[in-house]
N, C-alpha and C. Protein backbone atom coordinates (compact mmCIF):
# COMPACT_ATOMS: atom_id res chain seq x y z
N MET A 1 24.85 21.74 -2.42
CA MET A 1 24.30 22.35 -3.90
C MET A 1 22.73 22.62 -3.62
N LEU A 2 22.61 23.85 -3.90
CA LEU A 2 21.40 24.56 -4.05
C LEU A 2 20.46 24.16 -4.82
N THR A 3 19.54 23.78 -4.90
CA THR A 3 18.32 23.42 -5.87
C THR A 3 17.07 24.08 -5.62
N LEU A 4 16.35 24.82 -6.53
CA LEU A 4 15.26 25.76 -6.35
C LEU A 4 14.20 24.82 -7.23
N HIS A 5 13.41 24.36 -6.69
CA HIS A 5 12.23 23.66 -7.17
C HIS A 5 10.86 24.48 -7.52
N ARG A 6 10.85 24.62 -8.63
CA ARG A 6 9.56 25.47 -9.10
C ARG A 6 8.37 24.40 -9.00
N VAL A 7 7.37 24.97 -8.41
CA VAL A 7 5.87 23.98 -8.59
C VAL A 7 4.96 25.04 -8.62
N ARG A 8 3.68 24.30 -8.70
CA ARG A 8 2.51 25.10 -8.89
C ARG A 8 2.16 25.68 -7.25
N GLY A 9 2.21 24.81 -6.46
CA GLY A 9 2.39 25.29 -5.19
C GLY A 9 3.13 24.27 -4.01
N VAL A 10 3.20 24.79 -2.90
CA VAL A 10 3.70 24.15 -1.78
C VAL A 10 2.72 23.50 -0.62
N THR A 11 2.40 22.42 -0.08
CA THR A 11 1.21 21.74 0.85
C THR A 11 2.17 22.20 2.22
N ALA A 12 1.17 23.13 2.80
CA ALA A 12 1.73 23.45 4.23
C ALA A 12 1.27 22.02 5.17
N ALA A 13 2.04 22.84 6.22
CA ALA A 13 1.10 21.77 7.45
C ALA A 13 -0.16 21.33 7.74
N ASP A 14 -0.71 22.43 7.19
CA ASP A 14 -2.47 22.44 7.91
C ASP A 14 -2.98 21.84 6.47
N GLY A 15 -2.06 21.40 5.47
CA GLY A 15 -3.02 20.66 4.37
C GLY A 15 -3.27 21.56 3.25
N THR A 16 -3.02 22.97 3.43
CA THR A 16 -3.29 23.87 2.50
C THR A 16 -2.41 24.08 1.60
N ILE A 17 -2.54 24.47 0.19
CA ILE A 17 -1.45 24.78 -0.81
C ILE A 17 -1.02 25.96 -0.87
N ALA A 18 -0.14 26.64 -0.31
CA ALA A 18 0.59 27.77 -0.92
C ALA A 18 0.66 28.23 -2.75
N LEU A 19 -0.13 28.33 -3.19
CA LEU A 19 0.06 28.60 -5.00
C LEU A 19 1.13 29.70 -5.24
N GLY A 20 1.74 29.25 -5.94
CA GLY A 20 2.75 30.23 -6.25
C GLY A 20 4.26 29.99 -5.75
N HIS A 21 4.13 29.44 -4.63
CA HIS A 21 5.42 29.07 -3.94
C HIS A 21 6.31 27.95 -4.18
N ALA A 22 7.29 27.91 -3.63
CA ALA A 22 8.61 27.21 -4.38
C ALA A 22 9.30 26.91 -3.20
N VAL A 23 10.44 25.83 -3.27
CA VAL A 23 11.18 25.51 -2.22
C VAL A 23 12.69 25.62 -2.68
N VAL A 24 13.58 26.03 -1.98
CA VAL A 24 15.07 25.98 -2.29
C VAL A 24 15.69 24.62 -1.28
N VAL A 25 16.21 23.70 -1.77
CA VAL A 25 16.84 22.45 -1.18
C VAL A 25 18.18 22.79 -0.94
N ASP A 26 18.95 22.86 0.34
CA ASP A 26 20.40 22.96 0.36
C ASP A 26 20.76 21.63 0.97
N GLY A 27 21.37 20.60 0.05
CA GLY A 27 21.80 19.08 0.55
C GLY A 27 20.56 18.64 0.93
N ALA A 28 20.70 18.31 2.11
CA ALA A 28 19.59 17.16 2.34
C ALA A 28 18.38 18.13 3.14
N ARG A 29 18.43 19.18 2.91
CA ARG A 29 17.40 20.06 4.03
C ARG A 29 16.96 21.02 3.16
N PHE A 30 15.61 21.66 3.55
CA PHE A 30 14.79 22.70 2.86
C PHE A 30 15.28 23.88 3.53
N ALA A 31 15.83 24.77 2.72
CA ALA A 31 16.55 26.08 3.18
C ALA A 31 15.46 27.11 3.16
N ALA A 32 14.58 27.22 2.17
CA ALA A 32 13.50 28.15 2.13
C ALA A 32 12.47 27.89 1.22
N ILE A 33 11.29 28.56 1.53
CA ILE A 33 9.87 28.43 1.05
C ILE A 33 9.30 29.63 0.89
N ALA A 34 9.21 30.21 -0.38
CA ALA A 34 8.69 31.56 -0.49
C ALA A 34 7.97 31.42 -1.84
N PRO A 35 7.41 32.62 -1.98
CA PRO A 35 7.16 32.67 -3.62
C PRO A 35 8.35 32.72 -4.72
N TYR A 36 7.85 31.73 -5.43
CA TYR A 36 8.90 31.36 -6.84
C TYR A 36 9.80 32.59 -6.97
N GLU A 37 9.15 33.49 -7.25
CA GLU A 37 10.13 35.00 -7.94
C GLU A 37 11.05 35.26 -6.69
N ASP A 38 10.74 35.29 -5.61
CA ASP A 38 11.45 35.76 -4.08
C ASP A 38 12.43 35.19 -4.60
N LEU A 39 12.26 33.49 -4.58
CA LEU A 39 13.54 32.59 -4.43
C LEU A 39 14.36 32.76 -5.66
N LEU A 40 14.02 32.66 -6.79
CA LEU A 40 14.59 33.08 -8.10
C LEU A 40 15.50 34.34 -8.11
N ALA A 41 14.72 35.50 -7.05
CA ALA A 41 16.05 36.67 -6.88
C ALA A 41 16.91 36.21 -6.01
N THR A 42 16.31 35.81 -4.95
CA THR A 42 17.56 35.54 -4.08
C THR A 42 18.38 34.30 -4.56
N TYR A 43 17.86 33.25 -4.99
CA TYR A 43 19.46 32.18 -5.20
C TYR A 43 19.64 31.53 -6.52
N GLY A 44 18.85 32.75 -7.45
CA GLY A 44 18.45 32.04 -8.94
C GLY A 44 20.13 31.88 -9.66
N ASP A 45 21.12 32.84 -9.05
CA ASP A 45 22.27 32.69 -9.61
C ASP A 45 23.37 31.77 -9.14
N ARG A 46 22.86 31.04 -7.86
CA ARG A 46 23.39 29.89 -7.55
C ARG A 46 22.90 28.39 -7.11
N ALA A 47 21.43 28.62 -8.00
CA ALA A 47 20.80 27.17 -7.49
C ALA A 47 20.66 26.86 -9.06
N ARG A 48 20.66 25.30 -8.91
CA ARG A 48 20.18 24.53 -10.15
C ARG A 48 18.38 24.68 -10.20
N VAL A 49 17.81 25.15 -11.01
CA VAL A 49 16.69 25.11 -10.83
C VAL A 49 15.59 23.88 -11.75
N ARG A 50 14.86 22.87 -10.81
CA ARG A 50 14.26 22.21 -11.45
C ARG A 50 12.83 22.82 -11.65
N ASP A 51 12.12 22.46 -12.81
CA ASP A 51 10.85 22.86 -12.75
C ASP A 51 9.59 21.99 -12.81
N TRP A 52 8.68 21.83 -12.08
CA TRP A 52 7.59 21.05 -11.66
C TRP A 52 6.54 21.90 -12.06
N ALA A 53 6.51 22.88 -12.77
CA ALA A 53 5.40 23.93 -12.78
C ALA A 53 3.98 23.19 -12.82
N ASP A 54 3.82 22.00 -13.03
CA ASP A 54 2.38 21.45 -13.26
C ASP A 54 2.22 20.73 -11.98
N GLY A 55 3.03 20.43 -11.22
CA GLY A 55 2.99 19.82 -9.59
C GLY A 55 2.80 20.65 -8.43
N THR A 56 2.42 19.92 -7.33
CA THR A 56 2.03 20.47 -6.22
C THR A 56 3.21 19.78 -5.10
N LEU A 57 4.24 20.43 -4.17
CA LEU A 57 5.17 19.65 -3.99
C LEU A 57 4.83 19.23 -2.23
N THR A 58 4.67 18.16 -1.91
CA THR A 58 3.79 17.76 -0.78
C THR A 58 4.70 16.67 -0.13
N PRO A 59 4.54 16.37 1.34
CA PRO A 59 5.33 15.63 2.04
C PRO A 59 5.20 14.28 1.09
N GLY A 60 5.99 13.21 1.25
CA GLY A 60 6.17 11.74 0.72
C GLY A 60 5.13 10.98 1.35
N ARG A 61 4.65 10.15 0.26
CA ARG A 61 3.56 8.92 1.16
C ARG A 61 4.57 8.12 2.19
N TYR A 62 3.47 7.72 3.16
CA TYR A 62 4.06 6.84 3.95
C TYR A 62 3.31 5.24 3.56
N GLU A 63 3.92 4.25 3.34
CA GLU A 63 3.56 2.93 3.32
C GLU A 63 3.43 2.01 4.22
N PRO A 64 2.57 1.88 4.96
CA PRO A 64 2.51 1.23 6.07
C PRO A 64 2.30 -0.24 5.94
N ASN A 65 1.96 -0.60 4.73
CA ASN A 65 1.83 -2.36 3.96
C ASN A 65 3.01 -2.49 3.26
N ALA A 66 4.16 -1.89 3.52
CA ALA A 66 5.77 -2.16 2.85
C ALA A 66 6.02 -3.64 2.92
N VAL A 67 6.06 -4.19 4.38
CA VAL A 67 6.40 -5.45 4.70
C VAL A 67 5.39 -6.50 3.59
N ALA A 68 4.05 -6.26 3.25
CA ALA A 68 3.87 -7.07 2.74
C ALA A 68 3.85 -6.99 1.05
N LEU A 69 4.23 -5.51 0.69
CA LEU A 69 4.77 -5.21 -0.83
C LEU A 69 5.86 -5.78 -1.13
N LEU A 70 6.69 -5.94 -0.16
CA LEU A 70 8.15 -6.17 -0.50
C LEU A 70 8.64 -7.71 -0.08
N GLU A 71 7.58 -8.13 1.05
CA GLU A 71 8.27 -9.79 1.27
C GLU A 71 7.23 -10.66 1.46
N SER A 72 5.97 -10.33 0.57
CA SER A 72 5.14 -11.30 0.39
C SER A 72 4.53 -11.01 -1.18
N THR A 73 5.43 -10.31 -1.93
CA THR A 73 4.99 -10.20 -3.13
C THR A 73 6.01 -9.97 -4.11
N TYR A 74 5.90 -10.64 -5.54
CA TYR A 74 7.17 -10.70 -6.47
C TYR A 74 6.72 -9.71 -7.70
N TRP A 75 7.49 -8.82 -7.54
CA TRP A 75 7.58 -7.70 -8.71
C TRP A 75 8.32 -8.47 -9.97
N PRO A 76 7.61 -8.92 -10.96
CA PRO A 76 8.42 -9.44 -11.88
C PRO A 76 9.23 -8.45 -12.91
N ASP A 77 10.50 -9.16 -13.34
CA ASP A 77 11.04 -8.39 -14.11
C ASP A 77 10.61 -8.45 -15.57
N PRO A 78 10.42 -7.14 -16.56
CA PRO A 78 10.06 -7.05 -17.53
C PRO A 78 10.13 -8.00 -18.63
N ARG A 79 11.36 -8.81 -18.39
CA ARG A 79 11.98 -9.61 -19.17
C ARG A 79 11.23 -10.94 -18.87
N GLU A 80 10.32 -11.19 -17.61
CA GLU A 80 9.62 -12.37 -17.42
C GLU A 80 8.00 -11.98 -17.83
N SER A 81 7.47 -11.24 -18.48
CA SER A 81 6.45 -10.49 -18.61
C SER A 81 5.70 -11.65 -19.40
N GLU A 82 6.20 -12.08 -20.43
CA GLU A 82 5.63 -13.43 -21.16
C GLU A 82 5.42 -14.17 -20.29
N ALA A 83 5.71 -14.60 -19.29
CA ALA A 83 5.40 -16.01 -18.68
C ALA A 83 4.88 -15.55 -17.44
N LEU A 84 5.20 -14.44 -17.12
CA LEU A 84 4.18 -14.35 -15.98
C LEU A 84 3.73 -13.19 -15.62
N GLY A 85 3.59 -12.24 -16.86
CA GLY A 85 2.76 -10.94 -16.74
C GLY A 85 3.61 -10.22 -16.02
N ALA A 86 3.14 -8.68 -15.93
CA ALA A 86 3.51 -7.56 -15.77
C ALA A 86 2.97 -6.91 -14.35
N GLU A 87 1.77 -7.64 -13.51
CA GLU A 87 1.60 -7.31 -12.24
C GLU A 87 2.16 -8.09 -11.17
N PRO A 88 2.44 -7.47 -10.06
CA PRO A 88 2.77 -8.25 -9.09
C PRO A 88 2.27 -9.63 -8.72
N LEU A 89 3.04 -10.72 -8.06
CA LEU A 89 2.40 -12.04 -8.07
C LEU A 89 2.27 -12.17 -6.37
N THR A 90 1.20 -12.62 -5.76
CA THR A 90 1.15 -12.93 -4.53
C THR A 90 0.40 -14.29 -4.29
N GLY A 91 0.18 -15.02 -3.05
CA GLY A 91 -0.29 -16.26 -2.83
C GLY A 91 0.34 -17.35 -3.48
N PRO A 92 -0.70 -17.88 -3.89
CA PRO A 92 -0.37 -19.22 -4.85
C PRO A 92 0.84 -19.00 -5.95
N ALA A 93 0.63 -17.85 -6.74
CA ALA A 93 1.38 -17.60 -7.73
C ALA A 93 2.63 -17.50 -7.43
N LEU A 94 2.58 -16.73 -6.11
CA LEU A 94 4.11 -16.19 -5.63
C LEU A 94 4.90 -17.73 -5.06
N ALA A 95 3.85 -18.75 -4.39
CA ALA A 95 4.39 -20.07 -4.17
C ALA A 95 4.77 -20.82 -5.18
N ALA A 96 4.26 -20.91 -6.09
CA ALA A 96 4.97 -21.33 -7.31
C ALA A 96 6.09 -21.18 -7.83
N LEU A 97 6.72 -20.21 -7.54
CA LEU A 97 8.07 -19.48 -7.86
C LEU A 97 9.24 -20.17 -7.26
N ASP A 98 10.34 -20.22 -7.85
CA ASP A 98 11.75 -20.86 -7.14
C ASP A 98 12.23 -19.08 -6.93
N MET A 99 12.47 -19.07 -5.30
CA MET A 99 12.77 -17.53 -5.02
C MET A 99 14.25 -17.94 -4.03
N PRO A 100 15.32 -17.90 -4.92
CA PRO A 100 16.32 -17.89 -4.24
C PRO A 100 16.59 -16.24 -3.64
N ASP A 101 17.37 -16.07 -2.71
CA ASP A 101 17.95 -14.56 -2.44
C ASP A 101 17.93 -13.67 -3.34
N THR A 102 18.98 -14.26 -4.62
CA THR A 102 19.14 -12.93 -5.47
C THR A 102 17.54 -12.43 -6.51
N ARG A 103 16.60 -13.61 -6.32
CA ARG A 103 15.25 -13.02 -6.82
C ARG A 103 14.78 -12.64 -6.02
N TRP A 104 14.75 -12.57 -4.99
CA TRP A 104 14.08 -11.74 -3.79
C TRP A 104 14.57 -10.29 -3.56
N GLY A 105 15.93 -10.11 -3.88
CA GLY A 105 16.58 -8.78 -3.65
C GLY A 105 16.23 -7.80 -4.84
N ALA A 106 16.17 -8.73 -6.41
CA ALA A 106 15.77 -7.90 -7.32
C ALA A 106 13.92 -7.76 -7.53
N SER A 107 13.52 -8.83 -6.86
CA SER A 107 11.71 -7.89 -6.90
C SER A 107 12.08 -7.38 -5.89
N ALA A 108 12.69 -7.03 -4.75
CA ALA A 108 12.59 -5.68 -3.66
C ALA A 108 12.98 -4.56 -4.47
N ARG A 109 14.06 -4.66 -5.06
CA ARG A 109 14.48 -3.55 -5.75
C ARG A 109 13.84 -3.02 -6.61
N ARG A 110 12.84 -3.60 -7.28
CA ARG A 110 11.52 -3.18 -8.57
C ARG A 110 10.76 -2.72 -7.67
N GLY A 111 10.28 -3.52 -6.61
CA GLY A 111 9.18 -3.20 -5.70
C GLY A 111 9.26 -1.43 -4.92
N VAL A 112 10.68 -1.30 -4.92
CA VAL A 112 10.77 0.02 -4.08
C VAL A 112 10.88 0.91 -5.28
N GLN A 113 11.35 0.91 -6.38
CA GLN A 113 11.11 1.38 -7.31
C GLN A 113 9.96 1.95 -7.86
N ARG A 114 9.03 1.08 -7.74
CA ARG A 114 7.59 1.24 -8.15
C ARG A 114 6.64 2.34 -6.67
N LEU A 115 7.32 1.85 -5.72
CA LEU A 115 7.02 2.74 -4.32
C LEU A 115 7.59 4.41 -4.39
N LEU A 116 8.80 4.36 -4.97
CA LEU A 116 9.45 5.69 -5.15
C LEU A 116 8.30 6.60 -6.17
N ALA A 117 8.06 5.50 -7.25
CA ALA A 117 7.15 6.46 -8.46
C ALA A 117 5.93 6.79 -8.18
N ALA A 118 5.57 6.27 -7.01
CA ALA A 118 4.06 6.57 -6.27
C ALA A 118 4.44 7.62 -5.40
N GLY A 119 5.45 8.19 -5.02
CA GLY A 119 5.79 9.49 -4.50
C GLY A 119 5.95 8.70 -2.86
N THR A 120 6.37 7.77 -2.37
CA THR A 120 6.59 7.09 -1.20
C THR A 120 7.91 7.56 -0.79
N THR A 121 8.21 7.94 0.40
CA THR A 121 9.42 8.51 0.87
C THR A 121 9.51 8.00 2.38
N ALA A 122 8.53 7.04 2.72
CA ALA A 122 8.64 6.50 4.20
C ALA A 122 8.00 5.51 3.97
N LEU A 123 8.33 4.20 4.78
CA LEU A 123 7.57 2.83 5.16
C LEU A 123 7.83 2.36 6.45
N ALA A 124 6.80 1.32 6.78
CA ALA A 124 6.94 0.73 7.80
C ALA A 124 7.21 -0.55 7.49
N GLY A 125 8.30 -1.20 8.62
CA GLY A 125 9.30 -2.42 8.68
C GLY A 125 8.60 -2.91 9.98
N PRO A 126 9.37 -3.96 10.70
CA PRO A 126 10.40 -4.28 10.26
C PRO A 126 10.43 -5.25 8.96
N PHE A 127 11.73 -5.38 8.16
CA PHE A 127 11.77 -6.19 7.31
C PHE A 127 12.67 -7.54 7.70
N THR A 128 12.23 -8.93 7.61
CA THR A 128 13.04 -9.91 8.12
C THR A 128 13.51 -10.69 6.97
N HIS A 129 13.34 -10.38 5.82
CA HIS A 129 14.35 -11.22 4.81
C HIS A 129 15.63 -10.05 4.28
N PRO A 130 16.54 -10.73 4.54
CA PRO A 130 18.04 -9.87 4.63
C PRO A 130 18.09 -9.18 3.17
N THR A 131 17.82 -9.77 2.07
CA THR A 131 17.99 -9.17 0.68
C THR A 131 16.81 -8.01 0.64
N VAL A 132 15.66 -8.23 1.31
CA VAL A 132 14.89 -7.08 1.05
C VAL A 132 15.31 -6.00 2.11
N ARG A 133 15.64 -6.22 3.29
CA ARG A 133 16.17 -5.37 4.29
C ARG A 133 17.23 -4.42 3.76
N ASN A 134 17.80 -5.21 2.83
CA ASN A 134 18.97 -4.28 2.27
C ASN A 134 18.62 -3.45 1.06
N ALA A 135 17.80 -4.07 0.31
CA ALA A 135 17.15 -3.20 -0.81
C ALA A 135 16.48 -1.83 -0.20
N VAL A 136 15.62 -2.07 0.81
CA VAL A 136 15.36 -1.00 1.44
C VAL A 136 16.32 0.15 1.96
N ALA A 137 17.44 -0.50 2.66
CA ALA A 137 18.32 0.32 3.48
C ALA A 137 19.11 1.07 2.09
N ARG A 138 19.53 0.35 1.18
CA ARG A 138 19.93 0.99 -0.08
C ARG A 138 19.40 2.01 -0.62
N SER A 139 17.86 2.24 -0.35
CA SER A 139 17.10 3.00 -0.85
C SER A 139 17.16 4.24 -0.65
N GLY A 140 17.61 4.66 0.68
CA GLY A 140 17.14 5.48 1.74
C GLY A 140 15.98 6.12 1.85
N LEU A 141 14.80 4.97 1.73
CA LEU A 141 13.68 5.25 2.08
C LEU A 141 13.56 5.28 3.85
N ARG A 142 12.75 6.33 4.23
CA ARG A 142 12.79 6.43 5.73
C ARG A 142 11.89 5.22 6.54
N ASP A 143 11.94 5.20 7.91
CA ASP A 143 11.18 4.08 8.57
C ASP A 143 10.07 4.67 9.41
N ARG A 144 9.89 6.33 8.99
CA ARG A 144 8.54 7.20 9.81
C ARG A 144 8.11 7.90 8.81
N PRO A 145 6.86 8.64 9.18
CA PRO A 145 6.51 9.56 8.32
C PRO A 145 7.13 10.63 8.19
N VAL A 146 7.17 11.33 6.93
CA VAL A 146 7.68 12.44 6.86
C VAL A 146 6.93 13.97 7.11
N ALA A 147 7.67 14.81 7.79
CA ALA A 147 6.86 16.28 7.90
C ALA A 147 6.50 16.90 6.76
N PRO A 148 5.83 17.67 7.12
CA PRO A 148 5.73 18.37 5.81
C PRO A 148 6.54 19.40 5.62
N PRO A 149 6.83 20.21 4.50
CA PRO A 149 8.33 20.88 4.20
C PRO A 149 8.15 22.07 4.98
N ALA A 150 9.51 22.32 5.73
CA ALA A 150 9.69 23.65 6.25
C ALA A 150 11.32 23.80 6.41
N PRO A 151 11.49 25.29 6.36
CA PRO A 151 12.81 25.61 6.43
C PRO A 151 13.61 24.69 7.63
N GLY A 152 14.69 24.02 7.30
CA GLY A 152 15.41 23.56 7.81
C GLY A 152 15.34 21.99 8.52
N GLY A 153 14.19 21.50 7.69
CA GLY A 153 13.52 20.06 7.95
C GLY A 153 14.02 19.55 6.64
N GLU A 154 13.91 18.03 6.98
CA GLU A 154 14.38 17.15 6.18
C GLU A 154 13.98 17.28 4.52
N ALA A 155 14.47 17.32 3.27
CA ALA A 155 13.92 17.74 2.12
C ALA A 155 13.84 16.00 1.38
N ASP A 156 12.80 15.75 2.28
CA ASP A 156 11.94 14.32 1.55
C ASP A 156 10.53 14.99 1.06
N PHE A 157 10.15 14.50 -0.20
CA PHE A 157 9.08 15.07 -0.58
C PHE A 157 8.79 14.65 -1.91
N ALA A 158 7.28 14.66 -2.50
CA ALA A 158 7.09 14.29 -3.77
C ALA A 158 6.65 15.31 -4.49
N VAL A 159 6.44 15.40 -5.86
CA VAL A 159 5.80 16.67 -6.48
C VAL A 159 4.63 15.44 -7.58
N LEU A 160 3.42 16.01 -6.84
CA LEU A 160 2.29 15.30 -7.65
C LEU A 160 1.53 16.28 -8.64
N ALA A 161 1.07 15.63 -9.54
CA ALA A 161 0.22 16.43 -10.67
C ALA A 161 -0.98 16.48 -10.09
N ALA A 162 -1.92 17.51 -10.66
CA ALA A 162 -3.25 17.48 -10.44
C ALA A 162 -3.94 16.21 -10.31
N ASP A 163 -3.82 14.90 -10.80
CA ASP A 163 -4.28 13.98 -11.17
C ASP A 163 -3.91 13.04 -10.11
N GLY A 164 -2.84 13.36 -9.20
CA GLY A 164 -2.04 12.47 -8.57
C GLY A 164 -1.24 11.75 -8.74
N THR A 165 -0.45 11.72 -10.20
CA THR A 165 0.43 10.86 -10.98
C THR A 165 1.86 12.01 -9.98
N CYS A 166 2.55 10.99 -9.69
CA CYS A 166 3.84 11.08 -9.11
C CYS A 166 5.10 11.74 -10.03
N LEU A 167 5.33 13.18 -10.36
CA LEU A 167 6.05 13.54 -11.02
C LEU A 167 7.76 13.27 -10.41
N ALA A 168 7.95 13.69 -9.15
CA ALA A 168 9.31 13.35 -8.65
C ALA A 168 9.42 13.00 -7.39
N THR A 169 10.03 12.28 -6.77
CA THR A 169 10.10 11.57 -5.31
C THR A 169 11.64 11.96 -5.06
N ALA A 170 11.98 12.77 -3.86
CA ALA A 170 13.39 13.02 -3.41
C ALA A 170 13.34 12.35 -2.16
N ILE A 171 14.17 11.94 -1.57
CA ILE A 171 14.61 11.70 -0.24
C ILE A 171 16.07 12.43 0.28
N ALA A 172 15.87 13.03 1.35
CA ALA A 172 17.29 13.86 1.68
C ALA A 172 17.85 14.71 0.31
N GLY A 173 16.88 15.23 -0.13
CA GLY A 173 17.35 16.34 -1.28
C GLY A 173 17.64 15.71 -2.41
N ARG A 174 18.02 14.15 -2.56
CA ARG A 174 18.49 13.34 -3.28
C ARG A 174 17.02 13.03 -4.48
N LEU A 175 17.14 13.27 -5.90
CA LEU A 175 15.96 12.86 -6.66
C LEU A 175 15.94 11.56 -7.04
N LEU A 176 15.01 10.80 -6.54
CA LEU A 176 15.29 9.44 -6.88
C LEU A 176 14.30 8.67 -7.54
N PHE A 177 13.36 9.88 -7.97
CA PHE A 177 12.40 9.48 -9.49
C PHE A 177 11.80 10.35 -9.71
N ARG A 178 11.87 10.62 -10.90
CA ARG A 178 11.47 11.71 -11.83
C ARG A 178 10.48 10.95 -13.11
N ARG A 179 9.40 11.23 -13.50
CA ARG A 179 9.07 10.98 -14.25
C ARG A 179 9.23 11.55 -15.80
N ARG A 180 9.36 11.12 -16.63
CA ARG A 180 9.80 11.55 -17.92
C ARG A 180 8.97 12.16 -18.79
């Protein structure tokens, strides 16, 4: 399936932003990068259009501290906020918790969602806790930094607003996070 992502601009390999450009994603890969109007004329009748006009499409973030964020941090469930608060727990606060595998797995899934919401598409491992490793594997997050958008390249990207807020995160062309 073709998806045309309309954005304010696309970040090039040299870090410059090609204003007015957009991308077409075909499955898991970038099919084209060009001015939006050109892509709309070529692909518009057969592509789904996603409009992120206020954002810039950029390679996703690489998180080198992922092991600490997912194996040494507890991400509380919203239902626990009254007792534990909403912020991640580490150190003595984490040590005071009963952490069976199911709780570690749920925490890792919430942590992965927070990473995706920050525009992360790749992270450093390795992960030693089996339920954390499983949550990361199931998420699709890559284990290496992502290349800038290029035709034929993997469609791993984030769309960031001018203030740095992540509007969307995609891995292998799949939209895994979208700010509402």
